[in-house]
Amino acid sequence: MKVQPWVAQALFWPTFAWNWTLGRVLRIRNWWDVIEDVVLLGARPLRRDIPILATEWNVTGVVNMCEEYCGPIDLYDRWKIEQLWLPTTDFNHPTLASVQRGVEFIQKHVESGGRVYVHCKAGRARSATVVLCWLVKYRGMSPDEAQQRLLQMRPHVNSSLPERPVVQEFCAELTAQSRGAI
């Protein structure tokens, strides 16, 4: 079921407050987690997080999956962080084109020696979908292995990412490419 943008907008502040409470107040969840040495998966970064991500984590790229938030562009510019904004309505799956662009953006920064922070509002679904597909393509994992890696490193990610049609489509294209069909 596709969630309409107005519904996602109405739910933004209550769900952001919930994430804030779990992550910043109660510290039950990490705001971000290292999935691979070069990829961090997390919630929407706060302005105060940007200098930390740049200096302590060597983040050179950000994949922002939030339709509802274009990111702190002024801070990204100041800290020389490149952002790829792939606006996707909350509670919905990203498009195949967005996933592909996100995966290649991550790899570009990895190959340049940087790290990438991939986020949506909570770092559980939209952003996790992109990271799962990157793990499949560039770390040679099956979708189920990638899901297990995500759950191991960030236990509150959506536990059924491999079942998403966009993930299945992404993997089918990879398989077809490896067979020379595309």
Protein backbone atom coordinates (compact mmCIF):
# COMPACT_ATOMS: atom_id res chain seq x y z
CA MET A 1 0.00 0.00 0.00
CA LYS A 2 1.39 3.38 -1.04
CA VAL A 3 1.18 6.10 1.61
CA GLN A 4 0.08 9.46 0.24
CA PRO A 5 2.46 12.40 0.83
CA TRP A 6 -0.09 14.30 2.95
CA VAL A 7 -0.40 11.31 5.30
CA ALA A 8 3.38 11.06 5.62
CA GLN A 9 3.54 14.81 6.32
CA ALA A 10 0.89 14.52 9.02
CA LEU A 11 2.82 11.70 10.67
CA PHE A 12 6.24 13.36 10.39
CA TRP A 13 6.47 15.18 13.73
CA PRO A 14 4.92 12.45 15.89
CA THR A 15 7.21 9.81 14.38
CA PHE A 16 10.26 12.08 14.45
CA ALA A 17 9.56 12.77 18.14
CA TRP A 18 9.39 9.01 18.73
CA ASN A 19 12.73 8.49 16.98
CA TRP A 20 14.23 11.43 18.90
CA THR A 21 13.05 9.95 22.19
CA LEU A 22 14.45 6.50 21.44
CA GLY A 23 17.72 7.73 19.95
CA ARG A 24 18.66 10.98 21.67
CA VAL A 25 16.82 10.95 24.99
CA LEU A 26 16.62 7.30 26.08
CA ARG A 27 19.56 6.20 23.91
CA ILE A 28 17.86 2.89 23.21
CA ARG A 29 18.80 3.17 19.55
CA ASN A 30 21.89 4.60 17.93
CA TRP A 31 21.27 7.61 15.72
CA TRP A 32 23.56 5.93 13.19
CA ASP A 33 25.48 2.68 12.91
CA VAL A 34 28.49 1.58 10.90
CA ILE A 35 27.33 -1.12 8.49
CA GLU A 36 30.63 -1.53 6.68
CA ASP A 37 33.71 0.50 7.48
CA VAL A 38 32.77 2.88 4.67
CA VAL A 39 28.98 3.07 5.05
CA LEU A 40 27.00 4.53 7.92
CA LEU A 41 23.24 4.03 8.08
CA GLY A 42 21.18 6.28 10.25
CA ALA A 43 18.45 8.73 11.02
CA ARG A 44 18.10 12.22 9.64
CA PRO A 45 21.26 14.02 10.79
CA LEU A 46 20.91 17.06 12.97
CA ARG A 47 22.90 20.20 12.20
CA ARG A 48 25.18 19.49 15.13
CA ASP A 49 25.98 16.05 13.67
CA ILE A 50 27.51 17.35 10.44
CA PRO A 51 30.90 18.48 11.84
CA ILE A 52 31.16 15.16 13.71
CA LEU A 53 30.35 13.14 10.60
CA ALA A 54 32.90 15.14 8.59
CA THR A 55 35.79 15.17 11.05
CA GLU A 56 35.42 12.05 13.17
CA TRP A 57 33.94 9.75 10.54
CA ASN A 58 35.46 11.14 7.32
CA VAL A 59 32.03 11.30 5.68
CA THR A 60 32.41 12.74 2.19
CA GLY A 61 28.96 11.85 0.87
CA VAL A 62 25.39 11.74 2.13
CA VAL A 63 22.50 9.88 0.54
CA ASN A 64 19.32 11.59 1.75
CA MET A 65 16.15 9.58 1.11
CA CYS A 66 13.83 12.07 2.85
CA GLU A 67 11.25 13.77 0.67
CA GLU A 68 10.36 15.79 3.75
CA TYR A 69 13.88 17.16 4.35
CA CYS A 70 16.37 18.49 1.82
CA GLY A 71 19.24 18.43 4.31
CA PRO A 72 21.47 21.14 5.83
CA ILE A 73 22.96 22.13 2.49
CA ASP A 74 24.88 25.09 3.93
CA LEU A 75 26.70 22.80 6.36
CA TYR A 76 27.37 20.18 3.72
CA ASP A 77 28.97 22.91 1.61
CA ARG A 78 31.01 24.18 4.56
CA TRP A 79 32.28 20.68 5.40
CA LYS A 80 32.75 19.68 1.75
CA ILE A 81 30.22 16.86 1.91
CA GLU A 82 28.43 15.97 -1.31
CA GLN A 83 24.76 15.17 -0.90
CA LEU A 84 22.63 13.04 -3.20
CA TRP A 85 19.01 13.86 -2.43
CA LEU A 86 16.63 11.12 -3.57
CA PRO A 87 13.27 12.38 -2.26
CA THR A 88 11.09 9.42 -1.32
CA THR A 89 7.84 9.80 0.59
CA ASP A 90 8.08 8.37 4.10
CA PHE A 91 6.58 4.89 4.56
CA ASN A 92 7.08 4.16 0.82
CA HIS A 93 9.72 2.24 -1.07
CA PRO A 94 12.23 4.14 -3.19
CA THR A 95 12.09 3.72 -6.95
CA LEU A 96 14.52 1.44 -8.74
CA ALA A 97 16.16 4.49 -10.33
CA SER A 98 16.69 6.06 -6.90
CA VAL A 99 18.15 2.86 -5.50
CA GLN A 100 20.52 2.53 -8.45
CA ARG A 101 21.65 6.16 -8.15
CA GLY A 102 22.17 5.77 -4.41
CA VAL A 103 24.18 2.56 -4.80
CA GLU A 104 26.49 4.10 -7.42
CA PHE A 105 26.91 7.30 -5.36
CA ILE A 106 27.99 5.24 -2.35
CA GLN A 107 30.47 3.29 -4.45
CA LYS A 108 31.91 6.45 -6.01
CA HIS A 109 32.76 7.81 -2.56
CA VAL A 110 34.06 4.46 -1.33
CA GLU A 111 36.41 4.24 -4.31
CA SER A 112 37.62 7.79 -3.55
CA GLY A 113 38.53 6.81 0.01
CA GLY A 114 35.59 8.46 1.73
CA ARG A 115 32.65 7.29 3.77
CA VAL A 116 28.97 7.73 3.08
CA TYR A 117 26.14 8.45 5.50
CA VAL A 118 22.86 7.06 4.16
CA HIS A 119 19.72 8.25 5.92
CA CYS A 120 16.01 8.66 5.94
CA LYS A 121 13.99 9.87 8.91
CA ALA A 122 14.80 6.89 11.14
CA GLY A 123 17.35 4.87 9.19
CA ARG A 124 15.11 1.83 9.08
CA ALA A 125 13.54 1.42 5.64
CA ARG A 126 14.11 3.85 2.75
CA SER A 127 17.82 4.29 3.48
CA ALA A 128 18.27 0.67 4.54
CA THR A 129 16.89 -0.43 1.17
CA VAL A 130 19.69 1.46 -0.61
CA VAL A 131 22.38 0.09 1.70
CA LEU A 132 21.08 -3.46 1.32
CA CYS A 133 21.29 -3.15 -2.46
CA TRP A 134 24.83 -1.73 -2.20
CA LEU A 135 25.83 -4.73 -0.07
CA VAL A 136 24.38 -7.06 -2.70
CA LYS A 137 26.11 -5.38 -5.65
CA TYR A 138 29.45 -4.36 -4.18
CA ARG A 139 29.98 -6.81 -1.32
CA GLY A 140 28.63 -9.86 -3.15
CA MET A 141 26.01 -10.69 -0.54
CA SER A 142 22.66 -12.29 -1.23
CA PRO A 143 19.67 -10.14 -0.23
CA ASP A 144 19.15 -12.34 2.83
CA GLU A 145 22.82 -12.09 3.84
CA ALA A 146 22.66 -8.32 3.42
CA GLN A 147 19.50 -8.20 5.53
CA GLN A 148 21.23 -10.17 8.27
CA ARG A 149 24.22 -7.83 8.15
CA LEU A 150 21.92 -4.82 8.52
CA LEU A 151 20.06 -6.42 11.43
CA GLN A 152 23.35 -7.35 13.08
CA MET A 153 24.66 -3.79 12.89
CA ARG A 154 21.37 -1.86 13.21
CA PRO A 155 18.79 -4.16 14.86
CA HIS A 156 15.81 -1.90 14.30
CA VAL A 157 15.96 -1.84 10.48
CA ASN A 158 12.91 -3.14 8.68
CA SER A 159 13.26 -6.93 8.79
CA SER A 160 11.65 -7.66 5.42
CA LEU A 161 13.69 -5.54 3.02
CA PRO A 162 14.51 -8.44 0.64
CA GLU A 163 10.77 -8.87 0.05
CA ARG A 164 10.37 -5.34 -1.27
CA PRO A 165 9.59 -5.32 -5.00
CA VAL A 166 12.31 -2.72 -5.63
CA VAL A 167 14.94 -4.97 -4.02
CA GLN A 168 13.78 -7.95 -6.06
CA GLU A 169 13.83 -5.84 -9.21
CA PHE A 170 17.34 -4.55 -8.40
CA CYS A 171 18.61 -8.09 -7.85
CA ALA A 172 16.93 -9.36 -11.01
CA GLU A 173 18.69 -6.65 -13.03
CA LEU A 174 22.03 -7.56 -11.45
CA THR A 175 21.48 -11.21 -12.33
CA ALA A 176 20.52 -10.33 -15.90
CA GLN A 177 23.57 -8.08 -16.26
CA SER A 178 25.88 -10.81 -14.99
CA ARG A 179 24.45 -13.16 -17.61
CA GLY A 180 24.94 -10.56 -20.33
CA ALA A 181 21.22 -10.20 -20.97
CA ILE A 182 21.17 -6.43 -20.43
